[in-house]
Structure formats: structure tokens, C-alpha cells
Amino acid sequence: RARTQREWSSQGVRNAMRKAPDNDKNRRRAATESSEKQAQKVRQMESRIARLEEVDEPRKEWTLEFTIGSAPRSSAVVATLDKA
């Protein structure tokens, strides 16, 4: 991902300088800054990756073992109907 974003930013700066449809310096500068912002995000991500600890071995999988005990029957009579 970082490599892709780095390529985007370098291409974006080049394109912003080269492919200006008009001589609007503000538009050209905005496009350049946008690409430079992308490069800044790449640098931030790389520094975050560098700060991550290296994992010696992956976590072992575990299974949840849970049982519900059986309960005695709550009632012998479930429903009654009087004077039907």
C-alpha cells in the first residue's frame, strides 16, 4: 500500500506541473499540494510500521468451550383451560 501511494504522489506532482490545462497557478499549486499531502501520509504510515513490534511467533488458536448444565423441569403443567 505504501509503495502504491508513493507512486501516486510522485506521479501526481509530475502531472500537476506538466499537465496544466490552463495557466492557473492556484489550481496547479493545489494539485501539487494534494500530491505532497499523499506523500506525507506515506511517510506517516512507514514510521508507524517501523514502530510496530516484531512478533516472534503467531498466536495459538483456541476454542471456546462452554456448556450449559441441564436444569430440572420447571413445571409438570404447562397450560390449563377452564370452562371452555
PDB file of N, CA and C in Angstrom:
ATOM      1  N   ARG A   1       0.827  -1.196   0.000  1.00  0.00           N
ATOM      2  CA  ARG A   1       0.000   0.000   0.000  1.00  0.00           C
ATOM      3  C   ARG A   1       0.869   1.257   0.000  1.00  0.00           C
ATOM      4  N   ALA A   2       1.904   1.242   0.826  1.00  0.00           N
ATOM      5  CA  ALA A   2       2.777   2.420   0.906  1.00  0.00           C
ATOM      6  C   ALA A   2       3.472   2.670  -0.423  1.00  0.00           C
ATOM      7  N   ARG A   3       3.911   1.592  -1.060  1.00  0.00           N
ATOM      8  CA  ARG A   3       4.591   1.742  -2.348  1.00  0.00           C
ATOM      9  C   ARG A   3       3.651   2.357  -3.374  1.00  0.00           C
ATOM     10  N   THR A   4       2.414   1.891  -3.390  1.00  0.00           N
ATOM     11  CA  THR A   4       1.429   2.413  -4.341  1.00  0.00           C
ATOM     12  C   THR A   4       1.169   3.889  -4.089  1.00  0.00           C
ATOM     13  N   GLN A   5       0.995   4.262  -2.825  1.00  0.00           N
ATOM     14  CA  GLN A   5       0.734   5.664  -2.503  1.00  0.00           C
ATOM     15  C   GLN A   5       1.933   6.536  -2.856  1.00  0.00           C
ATOM     16  N   ARG A   6       3.143   6.017  -2.657  1.00  0.00           N
ATOM     17  CA  ARG A   6       4.336   6.786  -3.002  1.00  0.00           C
ATOM     18  C   ARG A   6       4.378   7.045  -4.504  1.00  0.00           C
ATOM     19  N   GLU A   7       4.026   6.026  -5.281  1.00  0.00           N
ATOM     20  CA  GLU A   7       3.991   6.202  -6.737  1.00  0.00           C
ATOM     21  C   GLU A   7       2.932   7.222  -7.135  1.00  0.00           C
ATOM     22  N   TRP A   8       1.767   7.152  -6.483  1.00  0.00           N
ATOM     23  CA  TRP A   8       0.701   8.115  -6.778  1.00  0.00           C
ATOM     24  C   TRP A   8       1.178   9.533  -6.537  1.00  0.00           C
ATOM     25  N   SER A   9       1.848   9.748  -5.397  1.00  0.00           N
ATOM     26  CA  SER A   9       2.248  11.113  -5.059  1.00  0.00           C
ATOM     27  C   SER A   9       3.300  11.634  -6.024  1.00  0.00           C
ATOM     28  N   SER A  10       4.272  10.797  -6.380  1.00  0.00           N
ATOM     29  CA  SER A  10       5.307  11.281  -7.302  1.00  0.00           C
ATOM     30  C   SER A  10       4.719  11.543  -8.689  1.00  0.00           C
ATOM     31  N   GLN A  11       3.818  10.679  -9.134  1.00  0.00           N
ATOM     32  CA  GLN A  11       3.164  10.909 -10.422  1.00  0.00           C
ATOM     33  C   GLN A  11       2.283  12.153 -10.362  1.00  0.00           C
ATOM     34  N   GLY A  12       1.620  12.345  -9.238  1.00  0.00           N
ATOM     35  CA  GLY A  12       0.728  13.489  -9.101  1.00  0.00           C
ATOM     36  C   GLY A  12       1.462  14.811  -9.168  1.00  0.00           C
ATOM     37  N   VAL A  13       2.618  14.884  -8.519  1.00  0.00           N
ATOM     38  CA  VAL A  13       3.403  16.124  -8.558  1.00  0.00           C
ATOM     39  C   VAL A  13       3.871  16.387  -9.984  1.00  0.00           C
ATOM     40  N   ARG A  14       4.368  15.325 -10.647  1.00  0.00           N
ATOM     41  CA  ARG A  14       4.821  15.499 -12.031  1.00  0.00           C
ATOM     42  C   ARG A  14       3.679  15.944 -12.931  1.00  0.00           C
ATOM     43  N   ASN A  15       2.534  15.284 -12.793  1.00  0.00           N
ATOM     44  CA  ASN A  15       1.390  15.634 -13.640  1.00  0.00           C
ATOM     45  C   ASN A  15       0.883  17.036 -13.346  1.00  0.00           C
ATOM     46  N   ALA A  16       0.907  17.437 -12.090  1.00  0.00           N
ATOM     47  CA  ALA A  16       0.423  18.772 -11.740  1.00  0.00           C
ATOM     48  C   ALA A  16       1.295  19.845 -12.373  1.00  0.00           C
ATOM     49  N   MET A  17       2.589  19.596 -12.432  1.00  0.00           N
ATOM     50  CA  MET A  17       3.490  20.580 -13.021  1.00  0.00           C
ATOM     51  C   MET A  17       3.412  20.562 -14.552  1.00  0.00           C
ATOM     52  N   ARG A  18       3.234  19.389 -15.121  1.00  0.00           N
ATOM     53  CA  ARG A  18       3.317  19.246 -16.564  1.00  0.00           C
ATOM     54  C   ARG A  18       1.975  19.460 -17.247  1.00  0.00           C
ATOM     55  N   LYS A  19       0.912  18.840 -16.723  1.00  0.00           N
ATOM     56  CA  LYS A  19      -0.378  18.830 -17.410  1.00  0.00           C
ATOM     57  C   LYS A  19      -1.318  19.918 -16.910  1.00  0.00           C
ATOM     58  N   ALA A  20      -0.888  21.118 -16.927  1.00  0.00           N
ATOM     59  CA  ALA A  20      -1.761  22.214 -16.529  1.00  0.00           C
ATOM     60  C   ALA A  20      -2.605  22.607 -17.738  1.00  0.00           C
ATOM     61  N   PRO A  21      -3.933  22.416 -17.676  1.00  0.00           N
ATOM     62  CA  PRO A  21      -4.770  22.735 -18.833  1.00  0.00           C
ATOM     63  C   PRO A  21      -4.813  24.235 -19.123  1.00  0.00           C
ATOM     64  N   ASP A  22      -4.634  25.013 -18.099  1.00  0.00           N
ATOM     65  CA  ASP A  22      -4.589  26.460 -18.293  1.00  0.00           C
ATOM     66  C   ASP A  22      -3.440  27.003 -17.444  1.00  0.00           C
ATOM     67  N   ASN A  23      -3.220  28.259 -17.504  1.00  0.00           N
ATOM     68  CA  ASN A  23      -2.117  28.839 -16.747  1.00  0.00           C
ATOM     69  C   ASN A  23      -2.563  29.330 -15.377  1.00  0.00           C
ATOM     70  N   ASP A  24      -3.442  28.584 -14.750  1.00  0.00           N
ATOM     71  CA  ASP A  24      -3.928  28.960 -13.427  1.00  0.00           C
ATOM     72  C   ASP A  24      -2.944  28.446 -12.382  1.00  0.00           C
ATOM     73  N   LYS A  25      -2.173  29.352 -11.800  1.00  0.00           N
ATOM     74  CA  LYS A  25      -1.152  28.935 -10.843  1.00  0.00           C
ATOM     75  C   LYS A  25      -1.769  28.394  -9.555  1.00  0.00           C
ATOM     76  N   ASN A  26      -2.948  28.866  -9.191  1.00  0.00           N
ATOM     77  CA  ASN A  26      -3.584  28.382  -7.963  1.00  0.00           C
ATOM     78  C   ASN A  26      -4.030  26.929  -8.102  1.00  0.00           C
ATOM     79  N   ARG A  27      -4.592  26.597  -9.240  1.00  0.00           N
ATOM     80  CA  ARG A  27      -5.003  25.207  -9.481  1.00  0.00           C
ATOM     81  C   ARG A  27      -3.803  24.275  -9.518  1.00  0.00           C
ATOM     82  N   ARG A  28      -2.748  24.730 -10.174  1.00  0.00           N
ATOM     83  CA  ARG A  28      -1.537  23.918 -10.275  1.00  0.00           C
ATOM     84  C   ARG A  28      -0.932  23.694  -8.893  1.00  0.00           C
ATOM     85  N   ARG A  29      -0.917  24.743  -8.092  1.00  0.00           N
ATOM     86  CA  ARG A  29      -0.361  24.626  -6.738  1.00  0.00           C
ATOM     87  C   ARG A  29      -1.216  23.713  -5.866  1.00  0.00           C
ATOM     88  N   ALA A  30      -2.545  23.798  -6.004  1.00  0.00           N
ATOM     89  CA  ALA A  30      -3.438  22.937  -5.226  1.00  0.00           C
ATOM     90  C   ALA A  30      -3.212  21.471  -5.583  1.00  0.00           C
ATOM     91  N   ALA A  31      -3.038  21.178  -6.863  1.00  0.00           N
ATOM     92  CA  ALA A  31      -2.794  19.798  -7.280  1.00  0.00           C
ATOM     93  C   ALA A  31      -1.453  19.302  -6.745  1.00  0.00           C
ATOM     94  N   THR A  32      -0.455  20.164  -6.766  1.00  0.00           N
ATOM     95  CA  THR A  32       0.861  19.793  -6.246  1.00  0.00           C
ATOM     96  C   THR A  32       0.792  19.533  -4.750  1.00  0.00           C
ATOM     97  N   GLU A  33       0.114  20.405  -4.014  1.00  0.00           N
ATOM     98  CA  GLU A  33      -0.008  20.230  -2.565  1.00  0.00           C
ATOM     99  C   GLU A  33      -0.777  18.963  -2.220  1.00  0.00           C
ATOM    100  N   SER A  34      -1.789  18.652  -3.015  1.00  0.00           N
ATOM    101  CA  SER A  34      -2.553  17.427  -2.788  1.00  0.00           C
ATOM    102  C   SER A  34      -1.654  16.205  -2.923  1.00  0.00           C
ATOM    103  N   SER A  35      -0.803  16.204  -3.922  1.00  0.00           N
ATOM    104  CA  SER A  35       0.117  15.086  -4.123  1.00  0.00           C
ATOM    105  C   SER A  35       1.159  15.029  -3.014  1.00  0.00           C
ATOM    106  N   GLU A  36       1.621  16.178  -2.571  1.00  0.00           N
ATOM    107  CA  GLU A  36       2.594  16.202  -1.479  1.00  0.00           C
ATOM    108  C   GLU A  36       1.959  15.729  -0.176  1.00  0.00           C
ATOM    109  N   LYS A  37       0.681  16.027   0.009  1.00  0.00           N
ATOM    110  CA  LYS A  37      -0.030  15.541   1.194  1.00  0.00           C
ATOM    111  C   LYS A  37      -0.090  14.013   1.177  1.00  0.00           C
ATOM    112  N   GLN A  38      -0.280  13.454  -0.014  1.00  0.00           N
ATOM    113  CA  GLN A  38      -0.296  11.992  -0.164  1.00  0.00           C
ATOM    114  C   GLN A  38       1.063  11.424   0.241  1.00  0.00           C
ATOM    115  N   ALA A  39       2.142  12.074  -0.154  1.00  0.00           N
ATOM    116  CA  ALA A  39       3.486  11.619   0.204  1.00  0.00           C
ATOM    117  C   ALA A  39       3.691  11.699   1.711  1.00  0.00           C
ATOM    118  N   GLN A  40       3.138  12.716   2.340  1.00  0.00           N
ATOM    119  CA  GLN A  40       3.248  12.854   3.790  1.00  0.00           C
ATOM    120  C   GLN A  40       2.530  11.699   4.488  1.00  0.00           C
ATOM    121  N   LYS A  41       1.384  11.296   3.966  1.00  0.00           N
ATOM    122  CA  LYS A  41       0.662  10.156   4.535  1.00  0.00           C
ATOM    123  C   LYS A  41       1.491   8.885   4.434  1.00  0.00           C
ATOM    124  N   VAL A  42       2.201   8.733   3.323  1.00  0.00           N
ATOM    125  CA  VAL A  42       3.060   7.563   3.144  1.00  0.00           C
ATOM    126  C   VAL A  42       4.152   7.558   4.201  1.00  0.00           C
ATOM    127  N   ARG A  43       4.792   8.701   4.423  1.00  0.00           N
ATOM    128  CA  ARG A  43       5.850   8.777   5.433  1.00  0.00           C
ATOM    129  C   ARG A  43       5.308   8.468   6.821  1.00  0.00           C
ATOM    130  N   GLN A  44       4.099   8.962   7.132  1.00  0.00           N
ATOM    131  CA  GLN A  44       3.499   8.667   8.430  1.00  0.00           C
ATOM    132  C   GLN A  44       3.259   7.172   8.588  1.00  0.00           C
ATOM    133  N   MET A  45       2.736   6.538   7.544  1.00  0.00           N
ATOM    134  CA  MET A  45       2.452   5.113   7.618  1.00  0.00           C
ATOM    135  C   MET A  45       3.749   4.321   7.786  1.00  0.00           C
ATOM    136  N   GLU A  46       4.792   4.702   7.085  1.00  0.00           N
ATOM    137  CA  GLU A  46       6.060   3.994   7.207  1.00  0.00           C
ATOM    138  C   GLU A  46       6.649   4.145   8.601  1.00  0.00           C
ATOM    139  N   SER A  47       6.505   5.310   9.212  1.00  0.00           N
ATOM    140  CA  SER A  47       7.031   5.478  10.570  1.00  0.00           C
ATOM    141  C   SER A  47       6.212   4.669  11.567  1.00  0.00           C
ATOM    142  N   ARG A  48       4.904   4.570  11.342  1.00  0.00           N
ATOM    143  CA  ARG A  48       4.077   3.729  12.214  1.00  0.00           C
ATOM    144  C   ARG A  48       4.466   2.262  12.088  1.00  0.00           C
ATOM    145  N   ILE A  49       4.726   1.824  10.863  1.00  0.00           N
ATOM    146  CA  ILE A  49       5.134   0.437  10.644  1.00  0.00           C
ATOM    147  C   ILE A  49       6.472   0.173  11.329  1.00  0.00           C
ATOM    148  N   ALA A  50       7.378   1.133  11.277  1.00  0.00           N
ATOM    149  CA  ALA A  50       8.688   0.968  11.904  1.00  0.00           C
ATOM    150  C   ALA A  50       8.568   0.843  13.420  1.00  0.00           C
ATOM    151  N   ARG A  51       7.559   1.474  14.009  1.00  0.00           N
ATOM    152  CA  ARG A  51       7.377   1.420  15.464  1.00  0.00           C
ATOM    153  C   ARG A  51       6.716   0.131  15.945  1.00  0.00           C
ATOM    154  N   LEU A  52       6.135  -0.633  15.028  1.00  0.00           N
ATOM    155  CA  LEU A  52       5.479  -1.877  15.436  1.00  0.00           C
ATOM    156  C   LEU A  52       6.508  -2.888  15.927  1.00  0.00           C
ATOM    157  N   GLU A  53       6.097  -3.665  16.924  1.00  0.00           N
ATOM    158  CA  GLU A  53       6.982  -4.699  17.438  1.00  0.00           C
ATOM    159  C   GLU A  53       6.915  -5.917  16.522  1.00  0.00           C
ATOM    160  N   GLU A  54       8.049  -6.578  16.381  1.00  0.00           N
ATOM    161  CA  GLU A  54       8.072  -7.783  15.566  1.00  0.00           C
ATOM    162  C   GLU A  54       7.549  -8.944  16.402  1.00  0.00           C
ATOM    163  N   VAL A  55       6.676  -9.728  15.815  1.00  0.00           N
ATOM    164  CA  VAL A  55       6.071 -10.848  16.522  1.00  0.00           C
ATOM    165  C   VAL A  55       6.972 -12.064  16.366  1.00  0.00           C
ATOM    166  N   ASP A  56       7.339 -12.682  17.518  1.00  0.00           N
ATOM    167  CA  ASP A  56       8.202 -13.863  17.464  1.00  0.00           C
ATOM    168  C   ASP A  56       7.477 -15.045  16.843  1.00  0.00           C
ATOM    169  N   GLU A  57       6.317 -15.336  17.377  1.00  0.00           N
ATOM    170  CA  GLU A  57       5.520 -16.421  16.816  1.00  0.00           C
ATOM    171  C   GLU A  57       4.058 -16.011  16.865  1.00  0.00           C
ATOM    172  N   PRO A  58       3.285 -16.479  15.925  1.00  0.00           N
ATOM    173  CA  PRO A  58       1.872 -16.076  15.903  1.00  0.00           C
ATOM    174  C   PRO A  58       1.109 -16.657  17.091  1.00  0.00           C
ATOM    175  N   ARG A  59      -0.001 -16.019  17.391  1.00  0.00           N
ATOM    176  CA  ARG A  59      -0.834 -16.508  18.490  1.00  0.00           C
ATOM    177  C   ARG A  59      -1.370 -17.891  18.171  1.00  0.00           C
ATOM    178  N   LYS A  60      -1.508 -18.682  19.200  1.00  0.00           N
ATOM    179  CA  LYS A  60      -2.075 -20.007  19.007  1.00  0.00           C
ATOM    180  C   LYS A  60      -3.590 -19.900  19.024  1.00  0.00           C
ATOM    181  N   GLU A  61      -4.212 -20.686  18.169  1.00  0.00           N
ATOM    182  CA  GLU A  61      -5.671 -20.674  18.127  1.00  0.00           C
ATOM    183  C   GLU A  61      -6.214 -21.368  19.362  1.00  0.00           C
ATOM    184  N   TRP A  62      -7.369 -20.933  19.783  1.00  0.00           N
ATOM    185  CA  TRP A  62      -8.028 -21.570  20.910  1.00  0.00           C
ATOM    186  C   TRP A  62      -9.505 -21.659  20.607  1.00  0.00           C
ATOM    187  N   THR A  63     -10.153 -22.575  21.293  1.00  0.00           N
ATOM    188  CA  THR A  63     -11.587 -22.747  21.092  1.00  0.00           C
ATOM    189  C   THR A  63     -12.297 -22.465  22.400  1.00  0.00           C
ATOM    190  N   LEU A  64     -13.438 -21.896  22.292  1.00  0.00           N
ATOM    191  CA  LEU A  64     -14.244 -21.599  23.466  1.00  0.00           C
ATOM    192  C   LEU A  64     -15.056 -22.838  23.807  1.00  0.00           C
ATOM    193  N   GLU A  65     -14.856 -23.326  25.008  1.00  0.00           N
ATOM    194  CA  GLU A  65     -15.609 -24.492  25.457  1.00  0.00           C
ATOM    195  C   GLU A  65     -16.556 -24.036  26.551  1.00  0.00           C
ATOM    196  N   PHE A  66     -17.831 -24.066  26.244  1.00  0.00           N
ATOM    197  CA  PHE A  66     -18.840 -23.568  27.163  1.00  0.00           C
ATOM    198  C   PHE A  66     -20.015 -24.533  27.133  1.00  0.00           C
ATOM    199  N   THR A  67     -20.417 -24.986  28.302  1.00  0.00           N
ATOM    200  CA  THR A  67     -21.568 -25.892  28.371  1.00  0.00           C
ATOM    201  C   THR A  67     -22.587 -25.322  29.347  1.00  0.00           C
ATOM    202  N   ILE A  68     -23.830 -25.534  29.029  1.00  0.00           N
ATOM    203  CA  ILE A  68     -24.919 -25.115  29.909  1.00  0.00           C
ATOM    204  C   ILE A  68     -25.472 -26.383  30.546  1.00  0.00           C
ATOM    205  N   GLY A  69     -25.457 -26.392  31.858  1.00  0.00           N
ATOM    206  CA  GLY A  69     -25.943 -27.567  32.575  1.00  0.00           C
ATOM    207  C   GLY A  69     -27.445 -27.733  32.411  1.00  0.00           C
ATOM    208  N   SER A  70     -27.885 -28.982  32.501  1.00  0.00           N
ATOM    209  CA  SER A  70     -29.322 -29.231  32.362  1.00  0.00           C
ATOM    210  C   SER A  70     -30.017 -28.885  33.676  1.00  0.00           C
ATOM    211  N   ALA A  71     -31.187 -28.299  33.579  1.00  0.00           N
ATOM    212  CA  ALA A  71     -31.964 -27.896  34.752  1.00  0.00           C
ATOM    213  C   ALA A  71     -33.157 -28.835  34.889  1.00  0.00           C
ATOM    214  N   PRO A  72     -33.651 -28.985  36.118  1.00  0.00           N
ATOM    215  CA  PRO A  72     -34.848 -29.814  36.274  1.00  0.00           C
ATOM    216  C   PRO A  72     -36.045 -29.147  35.611  1.00  0.00           C
ATOM    217  N   ARG A  73     -37.029 -29.928  35.292  1.00  0.00           N
ATOM    218  CA  ARG A  73     -38.225 -29.419  34.642  1.00  0.00           C
ATOM    219  C   ARG A  73     -38.911 -28.420  35.567  1.00  0.00           C
ATOM    220  N   SER A  74     -39.325 -27.287  35.030  1.00  0.00           N
ATOM    221  CA  SER A  74     -39.875 -26.229  35.878  1.00  0.00           C
ATOM    222  C   SER A  74     -41.299 -26.524  36.326  1.00  0.00           C
ATOM    223  N   SER A  75     -42.101 -27.188  35.506  1.00  0.00           N
ATOM    224  CA  SER A  75     -43.482 -27.459  35.884  1.00  0.00           C
ATOM    225  C   SER A  75     -43.996 -28.646  35.082  1.00  0.00           C
ATOM    226  N   ALA A  76     -44.876 -29.410  35.722  1.00  0.00           N
ATOM    227  CA  ALA A  76     -45.480 -30.543  35.025  1.00  0.00           C
ATOM    228  C   ALA A  76     -46.651 -30.066  34.182  1.00  0.00           C
ATOM    229  N   VAL A  77     -47.347 -29.013  34.649  1.00  0.00           N
ATOM    230  CA  VAL A  77     -48.494 -28.477  33.927  1.00  0.00           C
ATOM    231  C   VAL A  77     -48.033 -27.237  33.174  1.00  0.00           C
ATOM    232  N   VAL A  78     -48.214 -27.261  31.880  1.00  0.00           N
ATOM    233  CA  VAL A  78     -47.782 -26.133  31.065  1.00  0.00           C
ATOM    234  C   VAL A  78     -48.920 -25.156  30.880  1.00  0.00           C
ATOM    235  N   ALA A  79     -50.124 -25.658  30.554  1.00  0.00           N
ATOM    236  CA  ALA A  79     -51.271 -24.781  30.338  1.00  0.00           C
ATOM    237  C   ALA A  79     -52.537 -25.529  30.753  1.00  0.00           C
ATOM    238  N   THR A  80     -53.513 -24.786  31.298  1.00  0.00           N
ATOM    239  CA  THR A  80     -54.819 -25.374  31.641  1.00  0.00           C
ATOM    240  C   THR A  80     -55.906 -24.530  31.030  1.00  0.00           C
ATOM    241  N   LEU A  81     -57.041 -25.161  30.758  1.00  0.00           N
ATOM    242  CA  LEU A  81     -58.167 -24.469  30.163  1.00  0.00           C
ATOM    243  C   LEU A  81     -59.393 -24.803  30.996  1.00  0.00           C
ATOM    244  N   ASP A  82     -59.984 -23.787  31.624  1.00  0.00           N
ATOM    245  CA  ASP A  82     -61.172 -23.982  32.459  1.00  0.00           C
ATOM    246  C   ASP A  82     -62.395 -23.424  31.753  1.00  0.00           C
ATOM    247  N   LYS A  83     -63.534 -24.105  31.880  1.00  0.00           N
ATOM    248  CA  LYS A  83     -64.836 -23.680  31.362  1.00  0.00           C
ATOM    249  C   LYS A  83     -64.773 -23.296  29.885  1.00  0.00           C
ATOM    250  N   ALA A  84     -64.283 -24.175  29.106  1.00  0.00           N
ATOM    251  CA  ALA A  84     -64.195 -23.874  27.682  1.00  0.00           C
ATOM    252  C   ALA A  84     -65.404 -24.305  26.921  1.00  0.00           C
TER     253      ALA A  84
END
